[in-house]
N, C-alpha and C. Protein backbone atom coordinates (compact mmCIF):
# COMPACT_ATOMS: atom_id res chain seq x y z
N UNK A 1 -9.82 -10.35 11.62
CA UNK A 1 -9.27 -9.65 10.48
C UNK A 1 -8.64 -8.32 10.91
N UNK A 2 -9.30 -7.61 11.80
CA UNK A 2 -8.76 -6.35 12.28
C UNK A 2 -7.43 -6.57 12.98
N UNK A 3 -7.35 -7.63 13.79
CA UNK A 3 -6.09 -7.95 14.48
C UNK A 3 -4.97 -8.21 13.48
N UNK A 4 -5.29 -8.89 12.39
CA UNK A 4 -4.30 -9.18 11.36
C UNK A 4 -3.79 -7.89 10.73
N UNK A 5 -4.69 -6.99 10.43
CA UNK A 5 -4.28 -5.70 9.84
C UNK A 5 -3.44 -4.88 10.81
N UNK A 6 -3.84 -4.87 12.06
CA UNK A 6 -3.07 -4.13 13.07
C UNK A 6 -1.67 -4.70 13.19
N UNK A 7 -1.55 -6.03 13.24
CA UNK A 7 -0.23 -6.66 13.33
C UNK A 7 0.60 -6.35 12.09
N UNK A 8 -0.03 -6.40 10.93
CA UNK A 8 0.69 -6.15 9.68
C UNK A 8 1.26 -4.75 9.65
N UNK A 9 0.48 -3.76 10.02
CA UNK A 9 0.93 -2.38 9.96
C UNK A 9 1.78 -1.96 11.15
N UNK A 10 1.66 -2.66 12.25
CA UNK A 10 2.47 -2.31 13.42
C UNK A 10 3.81 -3.03 13.41
N UNK A 11 3.96 -4.03 12.53
CA UNK A 11 5.22 -4.75 12.44
C UNK A 11 5.34 -5.90 13.41
N UNK A 12 4.30 -6.15 14.20
CA UNK A 12 4.34 -7.26 15.15
C UNK A 12 3.89 -8.54 14.47
N UNK A 13 4.67 -9.59 14.69
CA UNK A 13 4.32 -10.89 14.12
C UNK A 13 3.77 -11.78 15.22
N UNK A 14 2.92 -12.71 14.85
CA UNK A 14 2.48 -13.68 15.85
C UNK A 14 3.68 -14.46 16.39
N UNK A 15 3.60 -14.88 17.62
CA UNK A 15 4.74 -15.55 18.25
C UNK A 15 5.13 -16.83 17.53
N UNK A 16 4.16 -17.53 16.90
CA UNK A 16 4.52 -18.76 16.19
C UNK A 16 5.41 -18.45 14.98
N UNK A 17 5.19 -17.32 14.31
CA UNK A 17 6.04 -16.94 13.19
C UNK A 17 7.44 -16.58 13.67
N UNK A 18 7.51 -15.87 14.77
CA UNK A 18 8.80 -15.51 15.35
C UNK A 18 9.56 -16.76 15.77
N UNK A 19 8.89 -17.68 16.41
CA UNK A 19 9.52 -18.92 16.84
C UNK A 19 10.00 -19.73 15.64
N UNK A 20 9.21 -19.77 14.59
CA UNK A 20 9.58 -20.49 13.38
C UNK A 20 10.83 -19.88 12.75
N UNK A 21 10.90 -18.55 12.66
CA UNK A 21 12.07 -17.89 12.11
C UNK A 21 13.31 -18.17 12.95
N UNK A 22 13.16 -18.13 14.25
CA UNK A 22 14.31 -18.40 15.13
C UNK A 22 14.81 -19.83 14.97
N UNK A 23 13.89 -20.77 14.85
CA UNK A 23 14.28 -22.16 14.65
C UNK A 23 14.99 -22.34 13.31
N UNK A 24 14.45 -21.75 12.26
CA UNK A 24 15.09 -21.84 10.95
C UNK A 24 16.49 -21.24 11.00
N UNK A 25 16.61 -20.09 11.66
CA UNK A 25 17.90 -19.43 11.79
C UNK A 25 18.88 -20.32 12.55
N UNK A 26 18.41 -20.93 13.63
CA UNK A 26 19.28 -21.81 14.42
C UNK A 26 19.73 -23.01 13.61
N UNK A 27 18.84 -23.58 12.82
CA UNK A 27 19.20 -24.74 12.00
C UNK A 27 20.23 -24.38 10.93
N UNK A 28 20.05 -23.23 10.30
CA UNK A 28 21.02 -22.79 9.29
C UNK A 28 22.37 -22.53 9.95
N UNK A 29 22.38 -21.89 11.09
CA UNK A 29 23.63 -21.60 11.79
C UNK A 29 24.34 -22.89 12.19
N UNK A 30 23.58 -23.88 12.61
CA UNK A 30 24.17 -25.17 12.94
C UNK A 30 24.84 -25.79 11.73
N UNK A 31 24.20 -25.72 10.58
CA UNK A 31 24.78 -26.27 9.35
C UNK A 31 26.05 -25.52 8.97
N UNK A 32 26.07 -24.22 9.21
CA UNK A 32 27.24 -23.41 8.87
C UNK A 32 28.31 -23.45 9.97
N UNK A 33 27.97 -24.04 11.08
CA UNK A 33 28.84 -24.10 12.24
C UNK A 33 29.22 -22.70 12.74
N UNK A 34 28.23 -21.82 12.76
CA UNK A 34 28.40 -20.46 13.27
C UNK A 34 27.65 -20.37 14.57
N UNK A 35 28.34 -19.99 15.64
CA UNK A 35 27.66 -19.93 16.93
C UNK A 35 27.06 -18.54 17.18
N UNK A 36 26.23 -18.46 18.20
CA UNK A 36 25.54 -17.20 18.52
C UNK A 36 26.51 -16.07 18.84
N UNK A 37 27.59 -16.38 19.53
CA UNK A 37 28.57 -15.35 19.89
C UNK A 37 29.19 -14.73 18.65
N UNK A 38 29.52 -15.58 17.68
CA UNK A 38 30.11 -15.08 16.43
C UNK A 38 29.13 -14.20 15.69
N UNK A 39 27.88 -14.63 15.59
CA UNK A 39 26.87 -13.83 14.90
C UNK A 39 26.61 -12.50 15.61
N UNK A 40 26.59 -12.52 16.92
CA UNK A 40 26.37 -11.28 17.68
C UNK A 40 27.56 -10.33 17.48
N UNK A 41 28.77 -10.87 17.50
CA UNK A 41 29.95 -10.04 17.26
C UNK A 41 29.93 -9.46 15.85
N UNK A 42 29.54 -10.27 14.88
CA UNK A 42 29.44 -9.81 13.50
C UNK A 42 28.40 -8.70 13.39
N UNK A 43 27.25 -8.90 14.01
CA UNK A 43 26.21 -7.88 13.99
C UNK A 43 26.72 -6.57 14.60
N UNK A 44 27.41 -6.65 15.71
CA UNK A 44 27.95 -5.45 16.35
C UNK A 44 28.94 -4.74 15.44
N UNK A 45 29.80 -5.49 14.76
CA UNK A 45 30.77 -4.91 13.84
C UNK A 45 30.08 -4.23 12.66
N UNK A 46 29.06 -4.88 12.11
CA UNK A 46 28.33 -4.31 10.98
C UNK A 46 27.64 -3.02 11.41
N UNK A 47 27.00 -3.02 12.57
CA UNK A 47 26.33 -1.82 13.07
C UNK A 47 27.34 -0.69 13.27
N UNK A 48 28.50 -1.01 13.81
CA UNK A 48 29.53 0.01 14.04
C UNK A 48 29.96 0.67 12.73
N UNK A 49 30.19 -0.13 11.70
CA UNK A 49 30.64 0.42 10.41
C UNK A 49 29.53 1.21 9.74
N UNK A 50 28.33 0.66 9.68
CA UNK A 50 27.22 1.36 9.01
C UNK A 50 26.89 2.66 9.74
N UNK A 51 27.03 2.66 11.06
CA UNK A 51 26.71 3.85 11.85
C UNK A 51 27.66 5.01 11.59
N UNK A 52 28.81 4.74 11.01
CA UNK A 52 29.73 5.83 10.63
C UNK A 52 29.16 6.66 9.49
N UNK A 53 28.32 6.05 8.66
CA UNK A 53 27.81 6.70 7.46
C UNK A 53 26.32 7.02 7.51
N UNK A 54 25.58 6.24 8.31
CA UNK A 54 24.13 6.40 8.38
C UNK A 54 23.68 6.36 9.83
N UNK A 55 22.60 7.08 10.11
CA UNK A 55 21.91 6.91 11.39
C UNK A 55 20.88 5.82 11.14
N UNK A 56 20.95 4.74 11.92
CA UNK A 56 20.06 3.60 11.69
C UNK A 56 19.20 3.35 12.92
N UNK A 57 18.11 2.65 12.70
CA UNK A 57 17.22 2.25 13.78
C UNK A 57 17.71 0.90 14.31
N UNK A 58 18.50 0.92 15.36
CA UNK A 58 19.10 -0.30 15.89
C UNK A 58 18.09 -1.22 16.55
N UNK A 59 16.91 -0.72 16.86
CA UNK A 59 15.90 -1.58 17.48
C UNK A 59 15.18 -2.44 16.44
N UNK A 60 15.30 -2.08 15.16
CA UNK A 60 14.58 -2.81 14.11
C UNK A 60 15.50 -3.60 13.19
N UNK A 61 16.76 -3.70 13.53
CA UNK A 61 17.66 -4.39 12.62
C UNK A 61 17.47 -5.89 12.67
N UNK A 62 17.87 -6.54 11.59
CA UNK A 62 17.70 -7.98 11.47
C UNK A 62 18.92 -8.56 10.77
N UNK A 63 19.48 -9.59 11.34
CA UNK A 63 20.60 -10.30 10.74
C UNK A 63 20.18 -11.75 10.59
N UNK A 64 20.27 -12.26 9.37
CA UNK A 64 19.89 -13.66 9.18
C UNK A 64 20.78 -14.29 8.11
N UNK A 65 20.81 -15.60 8.11
CA UNK A 65 21.55 -16.36 7.13
C UNK A 65 20.52 -17.08 6.27
N UNK A 66 20.63 -16.88 4.96
CA UNK A 66 19.76 -17.60 4.03
C UNK A 66 20.61 -18.63 3.31
N UNK A 67 20.06 -19.81 3.17
CA UNK A 67 20.83 -20.91 2.59
C UNK A 67 19.97 -21.64 1.56
N UNK A 68 20.62 -21.98 0.44
CA UNK A 68 19.98 -22.89 -0.50
C UNK A 68 20.94 -24.05 -0.74
N UNK A 69 20.69 -24.84 -1.74
CA UNK A 69 21.51 -26.03 -1.96
C UNK A 69 22.96 -25.72 -2.29
N UNK A 70 23.22 -24.57 -2.89
CA UNK A 70 24.56 -24.27 -3.37
C UNK A 70 25.31 -23.22 -2.57
N UNK A 71 24.61 -22.34 -1.87
CA UNK A 71 25.30 -21.23 -1.23
C UNK A 71 24.54 -20.74 -0.01
N UNK A 72 25.24 -19.97 0.80
CA UNK A 72 24.63 -19.30 1.95
C UNK A 72 24.85 -17.80 1.78
N UNK A 73 23.91 -17.02 2.29
CA UNK A 73 24.02 -15.56 2.22
C UNK A 73 23.71 -14.98 3.58
N UNK A 74 24.47 -13.98 3.95
CA UNK A 74 24.22 -13.24 5.17
C UNK A 74 23.40 -12.01 4.78
N UNK A 75 22.23 -11.86 5.39
CA UNK A 75 21.34 -10.75 5.07
C UNK A 75 21.21 -9.87 6.30
N UNK A 76 21.58 -8.60 6.14
CA UNK A 76 21.49 -7.62 7.22
C UNK A 76 20.51 -6.55 6.76
N UNK A 77 19.45 -6.36 7.53
CA UNK A 77 18.40 -5.43 7.15
C UNK A 77 18.16 -4.47 8.31
N UNK A 78 18.24 -3.18 8.02
CA UNK A 78 17.96 -2.18 9.04
C UNK A 78 17.43 -0.91 8.39
N UNK A 79 16.46 -0.26 9.01
CA UNK A 79 15.98 1.01 8.49
C UNK A 79 17.06 2.09 8.63
N UNK A 80 17.27 2.85 7.55
CA UNK A 80 18.19 3.98 7.57
C UNK A 80 17.37 5.23 7.84
N UNK A 81 17.70 5.93 8.91
CA UNK A 81 16.95 7.12 9.30
C UNK A 81 17.43 8.36 8.54
N UNK A 82 18.75 8.48 8.38
CA UNK A 82 19.30 9.59 7.61
C UNK A 82 20.78 9.33 7.34
N UNK A 83 21.32 10.08 6.41
CA UNK A 83 22.74 9.99 6.07
C UNK A 83 23.50 10.92 7.01
N UNK A 84 24.60 10.43 7.53
CA UNK A 84 25.44 11.28 8.38
C UNK A 84 26.27 12.18 7.48
N UNK A 85 26.41 13.42 7.84
CA UNK A 85 27.24 14.36 7.07
C UNK A 85 28.69 14.09 7.37
N UNK A 86 29.54 14.22 6.38
CA UNK A 86 30.96 13.95 6.58
C UNK A 86 31.54 14.93 7.60
N UNK A 87 32.48 14.41 8.37
CA UNK A 87 33.07 15.21 9.46
C UNK A 87 34.48 15.64 9.09
N UNK A 88 34.69 15.99 7.84
CA UNK A 88 36.03 16.36 7.35
C UNK A 88 36.38 17.74 7.74
């Protein structure tokens, strides 16, 4: 139980959960016919644009595709550390 609490608060997931998420992500990408290179390029572009306005924690960002029967959604999640002041 203590290990579970430590993992929960430290943000570390068991490797089986990580592997499961990666497999689900790979399966969704296969259905969408989106390759890893395209997703990595998209992630880099999103980080570049968001970084103009916010300081973000790039080590904790997450990009995933969620799919249901009717639609797919691209979900980008990253902690925002602070707002960048305009450089006008």
